[in-house]
Amino acid sequence: MRSWCVAAAAAAAMVLVGGCSQKKNEGQKQQGASSQATARDQYEQAEKAQADARKKLEDVKEAQKKVADERQDVAKAEQQLQKAQQQAQQAIQQADQKAEQAHQMGQRAEQRQMQQAQQQNAQAQQQNAQAQNQQAQNQQAQNERAQNQQAQNQQPQNEQPPNEQAQNEQAQNAQPEQQQTNAIESVSGKVVSATPSIVVIARENGPAVTVGVVDSTSTTIDGSPSSATSLQAGQRVDVSCRRAGNRLIAQRIDGRTTM
């Protein structure tokens, strides 16, 4: 009986111990399942965080690429701007050079025109002076022929001895001064030619005039005493003279160096 009781007690103890162990195992299993669930949640959260990080990294890379592209675009734009500025500066320089060349060509053309005009004017003045000189010479020759003819008509034919004829020629040469009138005439113009005995003057309005020069003629140039031979062609003169027969005898000749 005692043995049975001992056995029964031992069996009861084993049942009790087994029940406690089973409960303990079940608790451990429940804790393990809870830990696994927590670990799965953390793993899923970690995977989600990694996915978010990868997405953010891709976004950052995309943004960096955009920035790099934009920088390249800015660099290209700056290069294009510099190129455009250089081209504009070159165009301005070329335009300035062309304008300067055109200005120089215009100046050269104007100078050529002025030189041609001056040459033509000088040629015209020379031709005019030559024509006036020729006209004065012709008039002088005509006057001399008329005077000689008049002198010959006044001489008796074959009646005057040589000495008397010489005296008559001297009287005729002195006659212009003796036949001077009291009326004073003024002649103004430019000198065509000048000799010790005559001055040919081209008047502005009218034909050239031949004025005789005698010992009593007073000649000045710019107010200084001078002589008729010092007068130059083209020089401006004002002459006060008296008429002696068909001739004009100068009493005063005022010349100016200003042409």
Protein backbone atom coordinates (compact mmCIF):
# COMPACT_ATOMS: atom_id res chain seq x y z
CA MET A 1 0.00 0.00 0.00
CA ARG A 2 2.78 2.31 0.89
CA SER A 3 4.54 1.46 -2.31
CA TRP A 4 1.49 2.25 -4.31
CA CYS A 5 1.09 5.51 -2.59
CA VAL A 6 4.67 6.36 -3.22
CA ALA A 7 4.25 5.42 -6.84
CA ALA A 8 1.06 7.39 -7.10
CA ALA A 9 2.74 10.41 -5.58
CA ALA A 10 5.64 10.09 -7.93
CA ALA A 11 3.30 9.83 -10.87
CA ALA A 12 1.40 12.84 -9.70
CA ALA A 13 4.61 14.75 -9.33
CA MET A 14 5.67 13.80 -12.82
CA VAL A 15 2.34 14.88 -14.20
CA LEU A 16 2.65 18.16 -12.38
CA VAL A 17 6.19 18.70 -13.62
CA GLY A 18 5.24 17.75 -17.18
CA GLY A 19 2.34 20.18 -17.07
CA CYS A 20 4.57 22.97 -15.90
CA SER A 21 7.14 22.17 -18.59
CA GLN A 22 4.47 22.12 -21.24
CA LYS A 23 3.18 25.49 -20.11
CA LYS A 24 6.70 26.81 -20.06
CA ASN A 25 7.33 25.55 -23.60
CA GLU A 26 4.08 27.08 -24.78
CA GLY A 27 5.06 30.40 -23.25
CA GLN A 28 8.45 30.18 -24.90
CA LYS A 29 6.80 29.38 -28.21
CA GLN A 30 4.50 32.34 -27.88
CA GLN A 31 7.43 34.61 -27.04
CA GLY A 32 9.40 33.26 -30.03
CA ALA A 33 6.46 33.84 -32.34
CA SER A 34 6.11 37.38 -31.03
CA SER A 35 9.85 37.99 -31.52
CA GLN A 36 9.67 36.62 -35.04
CA ALA A 37 6.73 38.89 -35.81
CA THR A 38 8.63 41.84 -34.41
CA ALA A 39 11.70 40.87 -36.42
CA ARG A 40 9.64 40.56 -39.59
CA ASP A 41 8.16 44.00 -38.97
CA GLN A 42 11.59 45.46 -38.41
CA TYR A 43 12.92 43.72 -41.53
CA GLU A 44 10.02 45.00 -43.56
CA GLN A 45 10.60 48.49 -42.16
CA ALA A 46 14.31 48.15 -42.98
CA GLU A 47 13.51 47.08 -46.55
CA LYS A 48 11.10 49.99 -46.89
CA ALA A 49 13.73 52.36 -45.50
CA GLN A 50 16.28 50.96 -47.96
CA ALA A 51 13.81 51.38 -50.82
CA ASP A 52 13.15 54.98 -49.74
CA ALA A 53 16.89 55.59 -49.47
CA ARG A 54 17.49 54.11 -52.93
CA LYS A 55 14.70 56.29 -54.35
CA LYS A 56 16.11 59.37 -52.66
CA LEU A 57 19.56 58.47 -53.96
CA GLU A 58 18.14 58.14 -57.47
CA ASP A 59 16.39 61.48 -57.06
CA VAL A 60 19.65 63.05 -55.89
CA LYS A 61 21.50 61.55 -58.86
CA GLU A 62 18.80 62.82 -61.21
CA ALA A 63 19.00 66.27 -59.64
CA GLN A 64 22.80 66.22 -59.96
CA LYS A 65 22.45 65.24 -63.61
CA LYS A 66 20.02 68.07 -64.20
CA VAL A 67 22.38 70.50 -62.49
CA ALA A 68 25.28 69.21 -64.61
CA ASP A 69 23.17 69.55 -67.76
CA GLU A 70 22.14 73.04 -66.74
CA ARG A 71 25.77 73.94 -66.07
CA GLN A 72 26.71 72.65 -69.50
CA ASP A 73 23.89 74.68 -70.99
CA VAL A 74 25.10 77.75 -69.10
CA ALA A 75 28.67 77.14 -70.27
CA LYS A 76 27.47 76.75 -73.85
CA ALA A 77 25.39 79.89 -73.54
CA GLU A 78 28.38 81.80 -72.18
CA GLN A 79 30.55 80.55 -75.04
CA GLN A 80 27.90 81.55 -77.56
CA LEU A 81 27.58 84.94 -75.87
CA GLN A 82 31.36 85.48 -75.99
CA LYS A 83 31.43 84.41 -79.62
CA ALA A 84 28.57 86.79 -80.43
CA GLN A 85 30.37 89.63 -78.61
CA GLN A 86 33.58 88.93 -80.55
CA GLN A 87 31.68 88.88 -83.82
CA ALA A 88 29.96 92.14 -82.90
CA GLN A 89 33.30 93.77 -82.03
CA GLN A 90 34.80 92.55 -85.30
CA ALA A 91 31.81 93.91 -87.20
CA ILE A 92 32.16 97.28 -85.45
CA GLN A 93 35.89 97.39 -86.24
CA GLN A 94 35.24 96.49 -89.88
CA ALA A 95 32.54 99.14 -90.09
CA ASP A 96 34.90 101.72 -88.55
CA GLN A 97 37.63 100.75 -91.00
CA LYS A 98 35.25 101.02 -93.95
CA ALA A 99 34.00 104.38 -92.71
CA GLU A 100 37.59 105.63 -92.33
CA GLN A 101 38.47 104.36 -95.80
CA ALA A 102 35.39 106.05 -97.26
CA HIS A 103 36.31 109.29 -95.44
CA GLN A 104 39.87 109.15 -96.75
CA MET A 105 38.66 108.39 -100.27
CA GLY A 106 36.27 111.34 -100.04
CA GLN A 107 39.06 113.61 -98.85
CA ARG A 108 41.36 112.43 -101.66
CA ALA A 109 38.60 112.92 -104.21
CA GLU A 110 37.90 116.40 -102.84
CA GLN A 111 41.60 117.25 -102.94
CA ARG A 112 41.85 116.01 -106.53
CA GLN A 113 38.84 118.09 -107.49
CA MET A 114 40.31 121.15 -105.78
CA GLN A 115 43.67 120.59 -107.49
CA GLN A 116 42.00 120.13 -110.85
CA ALA A 117 39.91 123.25 -110.28
CA GLN A 118 43.00 125.21 -109.26
CA GLN A 119 44.90 123.95 -112.30
CA GLN A 120 42.02 124.83 -114.58
CA ASN A 121 41.70 128.25 -112.92
CA ALA A 122 45.43 128.84 -113.25
CA GLN A 123 45.35 127.77 -116.89
CA ALA A 124 42.37 130.02 -117.52
CA GLN A 125 44.09 132.95 -115.81
CA GLN A 126 47.26 132.29 -117.78
CA GLN A 127 45.35 132.10 -121.03
CA ASN A 128 43.44 135.26 -120.11
CA ALA A 129 46.67 137.04 -119.22
CA GLN A 130 48.25 135.89 -122.48
CA ALA A 131 45.22 137.05 -124.42
CA GLN A 132 45.22 140.40 -122.64
CA ASN A 133 48.95 140.75 -123.14
CA GLN A 134 48.57 139.95 -126.83
CA GLN A 135 45.70 142.40 -127.05
CA ALA A 136 47.76 145.07 -125.29
CA GLN A 137 50.72 144.41 -127.55
CA ASN A 138 48.49 144.61 -130.61
CA GLN A 139 46.96 147.84 -129.33
CA GLN A 140 50.40 149.23 -128.55
CA ALA A 141 51.66 148.31 -132.00
CA GLN A 142 48.56 149.87 -133.53
CA ASN A 143 49.05 153.05 -131.51
CA GLU A 144 52.70 153.22 -132.50
CA ARG A 145 51.82 152.72 -136.16
CA ALA A 146 49.20 155.46 -135.91
CA GLN A 147 51.66 157.79 -134.24
CA ASN A 148 54.31 157.06 -136.83
CA GLN A 149 51.82 157.60 -139.61
CA GLN A 150 50.70 160.87 -138.00
CA ALA A 151 54.31 161.98 -137.65
CA GLN A 152 55.03 161.11 -141.25
CA ASN A 153 51.95 163.02 -142.41
CA GLN A 154 53.06 166.10 -140.46
CA GLN A 155 56.54 166.16 -142.03
CA PRO A 156 57.00 168.05 -145.39
CA GLN A 157 58.21 165.61 -148.00
CA ASN A 158 61.96 165.94 -148.96
CA GLU A 159 62.25 169.39 -147.29
CA GLN A 160 63.68 168.65 -143.85
CA PRO A 161 67.39 168.05 -143.41
CA PRO A 162 68.48 165.22 -141.11
CA ASN A 163 69.22 167.55 -138.17
CA GLU A 164 65.84 169.20 -138.42
CA GLN A 165 64.15 165.77 -138.75
CA ALA A 166 65.85 164.59 -135.53
CA GLN A 167 64.69 167.73 -133.75
CA ASN A 168 61.13 167.10 -134.95
CA GLU A 169 61.26 163.48 -133.65
CA GLN A 170 62.42 164.74 -130.25
CA ALA A 171 59.61 167.31 -130.28
CA GLN A 172 57.09 164.59 -131.14
CA ASN A 173 58.39 162.39 -128.33
CA ALA A 174 58.04 165.28 -125.91
CA GLN A 175 54.68 166.32 -127.41
CA PRO A 176 52.53 163.99 -125.22
CA GLU A 177 53.73 165.72 -122.07
CA GLN A 178 53.13 169.15 -123.61
CA GLN A 179 49.63 168.18 -124.80
CA GLN A 180 48.47 166.83 -121.46
CA THR A 181 45.04 167.97 -120.40
CA ASN A 182 44.16 169.02 -116.89
CA ALA A 183 41.52 166.27 -116.51
CA ILE A 184 42.73 163.36 -114.36
CA GLU A 185 41.60 159.87 -115.34
CA SER A 186 41.77 156.82 -113.09
CA VAL A 187 42.50 153.32 -114.33
CA SER A 188 42.26 150.30 -112.00
CA GLY A 189 42.87 146.65 -112.76
CA LYS A 190 45.57 144.01 -112.91
CA VAL A 191 48.95 144.31 -114.57
CA VAL A 192 49.31 142.36 -117.81
CA SER A 193 52.85 143.52 -118.59
CA ALA A 194 55.17 146.32 -117.51
CA THR A 195 58.21 147.94 -119.14
CA PRO A 196 60.16 151.09 -118.31
CA SER A 197 57.99 153.06 -120.80
CA ILE A 198 54.50 151.46 -120.66
CA VAL A 199 52.23 149.48 -118.34
CA VAL A 200 49.43 147.36 -119.80
CA ILE A 201 46.46 147.07 -117.42
CA ALA A 202 43.54 144.65 -117.70
CA ARG A 203 40.43 146.37 -116.38
CA GLU A 204 37.63 144.39 -114.78
CA ASN A 205 34.98 145.93 -117.01
CA GLY A 206 36.42 146.84 -120.37
CA PRO A 207 39.37 146.20 -122.65
CA ALA A 208 43.01 146.39 -121.63
CA VAL A 209 44.54 149.86 -121.39
CA THR A 210 48.11 150.92 -122.21
CA VAL A 211 49.45 153.68 -119.95
CA GLY A 212 52.68 155.52 -120.73
CA VAL A 213 55.42 155.90 -118.10
CA VAL A 214 57.58 159.04 -118.10
CA ASP A 215 60.28 160.42 -115.82
CA SER A 216 57.75 162.33 -113.75
CA THR A 217 55.62 159.24 -113.09
CA SER A 218 55.55 158.31 -109.38
CA THR A 219 55.37 154.56 -108.70
CA THR A 220 54.78 152.89 -105.32
CA ILE A 221 54.16 149.27 -104.27
CA ASP A 222 52.33 148.83 -100.96
CA GLY A 223 53.13 152.47 -100.19
CA SER A 224 56.90 152.11 -100.74
CA PRO A 225 58.63 153.91 -103.64
CA SER A 226 59.36 151.63 -106.56
CA SER A 227 59.50 151.57 -110.36
CA ALA A 228 57.26 150.43 -113.18
CA THR A 229 59.58 147.52 -113.97
CA SER A 230 58.97 146.13 -110.47
CA LEU A 231 55.29 145.56 -111.23
CA GLN A 232 54.38 141.90 -111.70
CA ALA A 233 51.78 140.35 -113.98
CA GLY A 234 48.52 139.90 -112.10
CA GLN A 235 49.37 142.58 -109.55
CA ARG A 236 46.60 144.99 -108.61
CA VAL A 237 47.25 148.66 -109.55
CA ASP A 238 45.45 151.98 -109.34
CA VAL A 239 46.73 154.58 -111.84
CA SER A 240 46.09 158.34 -111.96
CA CYS A 241 46.86 159.63 -115.43
CA ARG A 242 46.29 162.49 -117.86
CA ARG A 243 45.48 162.21 -121.52
CA ALA A 244 48.03 163.49 -124.04
CA GLY A 245 46.52 163.23 -127.48
CA ASN A 246 45.52 159.59 -127.92
CA ARG A 247 47.78 158.39 -125.13
CA LEU A 248 47.38 158.11 -121.35
CA ILE A 249 50.39 159.28 -119.37
CA ALA A 250 50.63 157.98 -115.82
CA GLN A 251 51.23 160.51 -113.11
CA ARG A 252 50.98 158.09 -110.18
CA ILE A 253 50.94 154.27 -110.06
CA ASP A 254 49.96 152.58 -106.79
CA GLY A 255 50.57 148.83 -106.80
CA ARG A 256 49.60 146.19 -104.24
CA THR A 257 51.32 142.83 -103.74
CA THR A 258 47.95 141.21 -103.01
CA MET A 259 46.79 139.64 -106.26
